[in-house]
Each structure stands twice: as C-alpha cells, then as structure tokens.
PDB file of N, CA and C in Angstrom:
ATOM      1  N   MET A   1     -52.083 -78.852 247.872  1.00  0.00           N
ATOM      2  CA  MET A   1     -51.563 -80.603 247.290  1.00  0.00           C
ATOM      3  C   MET A   1     -52.028 -81.382 248.728  1.00  0.00           C
ATOM      4  N   THR A   2     -51.715 -81.983 249.689  1.00  0.00           N
ATOM      5  CA  THR A   2     -52.309 -82.486 250.670  1.00  0.00           C
ATOM      6  C   THR A   2     -54.108 -82.619 250.648  1.00  0.00           C
ATOM      7  N   THR A   3     -55.064 -81.410 250.510  1.00  0.00           N
ATOM      8  CA  THR A   3     -55.822 -81.042 249.839  1.00  0.00           C
ATOM      9  C   THR A   3     -56.462 -81.880 248.779  1.00  0.00           C
ATOM     10  N   ALA A   4     -55.642 -81.597 248.032  1.00  0.00           N
ATOM     11  CA  ALA A   4     -55.191 -83.182 246.713  1.00  0.00           C
ATOM     12  C   ALA A   4     -55.583 -84.304 247.223  1.00  0.00           C
ATOM     13  N   LEU A   5     -54.530 -84.909 247.402  1.00  0.00           N
ATOM     14  CA  LEU A   5     -54.374 -86.338 247.854  1.00  0.00           C
ATOM     15  C   LEU A   5     -54.817 -86.518 248.736  1.00  0.00           C
ATOM     16  N   ASN A   6     -55.931 -85.661 249.204  1.00  0.00           N
ATOM     17  CA  ASN A   6     -56.362 -86.384 250.851  1.00  0.00           C
ATOM     18  C   ASN A   6     -58.198 -86.764 249.708  1.00  0.00           C
ATOM     19  N   GLY A   7     -58.175 -85.955 248.862  1.00  0.00           N
ATOM     20  CA  GLY A   7     -59.177 -85.790 247.846  1.00  0.00           C
ATOM     21  C   GLY A   7     -59.464 -87.345 247.156  1.00  0.00           C
ATOM     22  N   LEU A   8     -57.312 -87.741 246.376  1.00  0.00           N
ATOM     23  CA  LEU A   8     -57.878 -88.573 245.713  1.00  0.00           C
ATOM     24  C   LEU A   8     -57.936 -89.996 246.209  1.00  0.00           C
ATOM     25  N   SER A   9     -57.025 -90.067 248.154  1.00  0.00           N
ATOM     26  CA  SER A   9     -56.925 -90.875 248.282  1.00  0.00           C
ATOM     27  C   SER A   9     -58.642 -91.015 248.871  1.00  0.00           C
ATOM     28  N   ALA A  10     -59.679 -90.919 249.268  1.00  0.00           N
ATOM     29  CA  ALA A  10     -60.847 -90.718 249.293  1.00  0.00           C
ATOM     30  C   ALA A  10     -61.385 -91.572 247.660  1.00  0.00           C
ATOM     31  N   ALA A  11     -60.958 -91.095 246.996  1.00  0.00           N
ATOM     32  CA  ALA A  11     -61.876 -91.415 245.412  1.00  0.00           C
ATOM     33  C   ALA A  11     -61.537 -92.488 245.557  1.00  0.00           C
ATOM     34  N   ILE A  12     -60.102 -93.187 245.547  1.00  0.00           N
ATOM     35  CA  ILE A  12     -59.426 -94.447 245.474  1.00  0.00           C
ATOM     36  C   ILE A  12     -60.835 -95.501 246.039  1.00  0.00           C
ATOM     37  N   SER A  13     -60.674 -95.080 248.042  1.00  0.00           N
ATOM     38  CA  SER A  13     -61.182 -96.219 249.000  1.00  0.00           C
ATOM     39  C   SER A  13     -62.477 -96.306 248.599  1.00  0.00           C
ATOM     40  N   THR A  14     -63.077 -95.448 248.020  1.00  0.00           N
ATOM     41  CA  THR A  14     -64.474 -95.532 247.315  1.00  0.00           C
ATOM     42  C   THR A  14     -64.773 -96.306 245.539  1.00  0.00           C
ATOM     43  N   GLY A  15     -63.822 -96.046 245.458  1.00  0.00           N
ATOM     44  CA  GLY A  15     -63.435 -97.778 244.491  1.00  0.00           C
ATOM     45  C   GLY A  15     -63.898 -96.543 243.076  1.00  0.00           C
ATOM     46  N   MET A  16     -64.224 -95.488 242.922  1.00  0.00           N
ATOM     47  CA  MET A  16     -63.959 -94.183 242.232  1.00  0.00           C
ATOM     48  C   MET A  16     -62.687 -93.647 241.830  1.00  0.00           C
ATOM     49  N   VAL A  17     -61.995 -94.477 241.733  1.00  0.00           N
ATOM     50  CA  VAL A  17     -60.676 -94.348 240.798  1.00  0.00           C
ATOM     51  C   VAL A  17     -59.669 -95.612 241.104  1.00  0.00           C
ATOM     52  N   THR A  18     -59.345 -96.550 240.392  1.00  0.00           N
ATOM     53  CA  THR A  18     -58.453 -97.521 240.510  1.00  0.00           C
ATOM     54  C   THR A  18     -57.135 -96.823 240.081  1.00  0.00           C
ATOM     55  N   VAL A  19     -56.277 -97.430 240.923  1.00  0.00           N
ATOM     56  CA  VAL A  19     -54.146 -96.830 240.545  1.00  0.00           C
ATOM     57  C   VAL A  19     -53.356 -97.834 240.025  1.00  0.00           C
ATOM     58  N   ALA A  20     -52.996 -98.049 239.140  1.00  0.00           N
ATOM     59  CA  ALA A  20     -52.233 -99.511 238.662  1.00  0.00           C
ATOM     60  C   ALA A  20     -50.828 -99.125 238.428  1.00  0.00           C
ATOM     61  N   LYS A  21     -49.263 -99.063 238.678  1.00  0.00           N
ATOM     62  CA  LYS A  21     -47.622 -99.252 238.001  1.00  0.00           C
ATOM     63  C   LYS A  21     -48.115-100.476 236.819  1.00  0.00           C
ATOM     64  N   LYS A  22     -47.515 -99.289 235.225  1.00  0.00           N
ATOM     65  CA  LYS A  22     -48.083 -99.985 234.190  1.00  0.00           C
ATOM     66  C   LYS A  22     -46.427 -99.610 234.064  1.00  0.00           C
ATOM     67  N   GLY A  23     -45.549 -99.862 233.141  1.00  0.00           N
ATOM     68  CA  GLY A  23     -44.370-100.105 232.605  1.00  0.00           C
ATOM     69  C   GLY A  23     -43.886 -97.934 233.000  1.00  0.00           C
ATOM     70  N   GLY A  24     -43.533 -98.231 233.944  1.00  0.00           N
ATOM     71  CA  GLY A  24     -43.005 -97.594 234.805  1.00  0.00           C
ATOM     72  C   GLY A  24     -43.323 -96.560 235.766  1.00  0.00           C
ATOM     73  N   GLY A  25     -44.679 -96.595 235.249  1.00  0.00           N
ATOM     74  CA  GLY A  25     -45.466 -94.938 235.641  1.00  0.00           C
ATOM     75  C   GLY A  25     -46.506 -95.436 236.205  1.00  0.00           C
ATOM     76  N   ILE A  26     -47.024 -94.473 236.583  1.00  0.00           N
ATOM     77  CA  ILE A  26     -48.521 -94.777 237.395  1.00  0.00           C
ATOM     78  C   ILE A  26     -50.176 -94.663 235.963  1.00  0.00           C
ATOM     79  N   VAL A  27     -50.061 -95.436 236.181  1.00  0.00           N
ATOM     80  CA  VAL A  27     -51.859 -95.054 235.758  1.00  0.00           C
ATOM     81  C   VAL A  27     -53.187 -94.895 236.598  1.00  0.00           C
ATOM     82  N   ILE A  28     -53.479 -93.497 236.612  1.00  0.00           N
ATOM     83  CA  ILE A  28     -55.031 -93.262 237.620  1.00  0.00           C
ATOM     84  C   ILE A  28     -55.599 -93.381 236.341  1.00  0.00           C
ATOM     85  N   ASP A  29     -56.747 -94.663 236.365  1.00  0.00           N
ATOM     86  CA  ASP A  29     -58.209 -94.508 235.855  1.00  0.00           C
ATOM     87  C   ASP A  29     -59.710 -94.201 236.866  1.00  0.00           C
ATOM     88  N   THR A  30     -59.319 -93.477 236.297  1.00  0.00           N
ATOM     89  CA  THR A  30     -61.432 -93.256 237.271  1.00  0.00           C
ATOM     90  C   THR A  30     -62.550 -93.203 235.788  1.00  0.00           C
ATOM     91  N   ALA A  31     -63.497 -93.085 236.197  1.00  0.00           N
ATOM     92  CA  ALA A  31     -64.818 -93.222 234.842  1.00  0.00           C
ATOM     93  C   ALA A  31     -64.681 -92.674 234.499  1.00  0.00           C
ATOM     94  N   LYS A  32     -63.971 -91.208 234.113  1.00  0.00           N
ATOM     95  CA  LYS A  32     -64.595 -90.075 232.864  1.00  0.00           C
ATOM     96  C   LYS A  32     -63.181 -90.471 231.529  1.00  0.00           C
ATOM     97  N   SER A  33     -61.986 -90.705 232.631  1.00  0.00           N
ATOM     98  CA  SER A  33     -60.982 -90.381 231.762  1.00  0.00           C
ATOM     99  C   SER A  33     -59.204 -91.594 232.378  1.00  0.00           C
ATOM    100  N   THR A  34     -58.485 -91.403 231.775  1.00  0.00           N
ATOM    101  CA  THR A  34     -57.186 -92.496 231.891  1.00  0.00           C
ATOM    102  C   THR A  34     -56.864 -90.977 231.313  1.00  0.00           C
ATOM    103  N   LYS A  35     -56.173 -90.307 232.782  1.00  0.00           N
ATOM    104  CA  LYS A  35     -54.190 -90.331 232.838  1.00  0.00           C
ATOM    105  C   LYS A  35     -53.296 -91.016 233.056  1.00  0.00           C
ATOM    106  N   ARG A  36     -52.630 -91.003 231.941  1.00  0.00           N
ATOM    107  CA  ARG A  36     -51.620 -91.379 232.207  1.00  0.00           C
ATOM    108  C   ARG A  36     -49.986 -89.644 233.067  1.00  0.00           C
ATOM    109  N   ILE A  37     -49.578 -90.646 233.990  1.00  0.00           N
ATOM    110  CA  ILE A  37     -48.327 -90.124 234.483  1.00  0.00           C
ATOM    111  C   ILE A  37     -46.865 -90.979 234.328  1.00  0.00           C
ATOM    112  N   LEU A  38     -46.023 -90.342 233.547  1.00  0.00           N
ATOM    113  CA  LEU A  38     -45.217 -90.845 233.029  1.00  0.00           C
ATOM    114  C   LEU A  38     -43.702 -90.854 234.179  1.00  0.00           C
ATOM    115  N   GLU A  39     -43.745 -90.363 234.823  1.00  0.00           N
ATOM    116  CA  GLU A  39     -42.964 -90.522 236.149  1.00  0.00           C
ATOM    117  C   GLU A  39     -43.048 -91.153 237.430  1.00  0.00           C
ATOM    118  N   PRO A  40     -42.341 -92.387 237.872  1.00  0.00           N
ATOM    119  CA  PRO A  40     -43.196 -93.049 239.253  1.00  0.00           C
ATOM    120  C   PRO A  40     -43.474 -92.290 239.862  1.00  0.00           C
ATOM    121  N   VAL A  41     -44.460 -92.068 240.798  1.00  0.00           N
ATOM    122  CA  VAL A  41     -45.176 -91.440 241.943  1.00  0.00           C
ATOM    123  C   VAL A  41     -45.320 -91.904 243.078  1.00  0.00           C
ATOM    124  N   ASN A  42     -44.951 -91.468 244.393  1.00  0.00           N
ATOM    125  CA  ASN A  42     -44.742 -92.223 245.755  1.00  0.00           C
ATOM    126  C   ASN A  42     -45.834 -91.740 246.650  1.00  0.00           C
ATOM    127  N   TYR A  43     -46.798 -91.117 245.835  1.00  0.00           N
ATOM    128  CA  TYR A  43     -47.576 -90.792 246.860  1.00  0.00           C
ATOM    129  C   TYR A  43     -48.613 -91.277 248.386  1.00  0.00           C
ATOM    130  N   PHE A  44     -48.226 -93.084 248.181  1.00  0.00           N
ATOM    131  CA  PHE A  44     -49.215 -93.540 248.420  1.00  0.00           C
ATOM    132  C   PHE A  44     -47.824 -95.144 249.235  1.00  0.00           C
ATOM    133  N   VAL A  45     -46.675 -93.995 249.096  1.00  0.00           N
ATOM    134  CA  VAL A  45     -45.449 -94.891 249.782  1.00  0.00           C
ATOM    135  C   VAL A  45     -45.730 -94.370 251.559  1.00  0.00           C
TER     136      VAL A  45
END
C-alpha cells in the first residue's frame, strides 16, 4: 500500500496524474485513462 501511494505521489508531482474532488469523490486523471473512486479518499491528508 505504501509503495503504491509513493508511486502515485511521484506521478502526481511529475504532472503525469492529476487528482480532483468532484461530486463527493476523488477523480484520478492520467494520460491514459480516468478512474473514478466513489468514496472520498484521504490519502493526501
């Protein structure tokens, strides 16, 4: 889990991934695909 979060944080910091709150959930937008997480996630708090 920690490794996955570190990788995601690295991708965000390099601009490969953007994260936005939309409609009560978190939207993770990458160059290849958009994944929607329905529950609010507090990874970055």
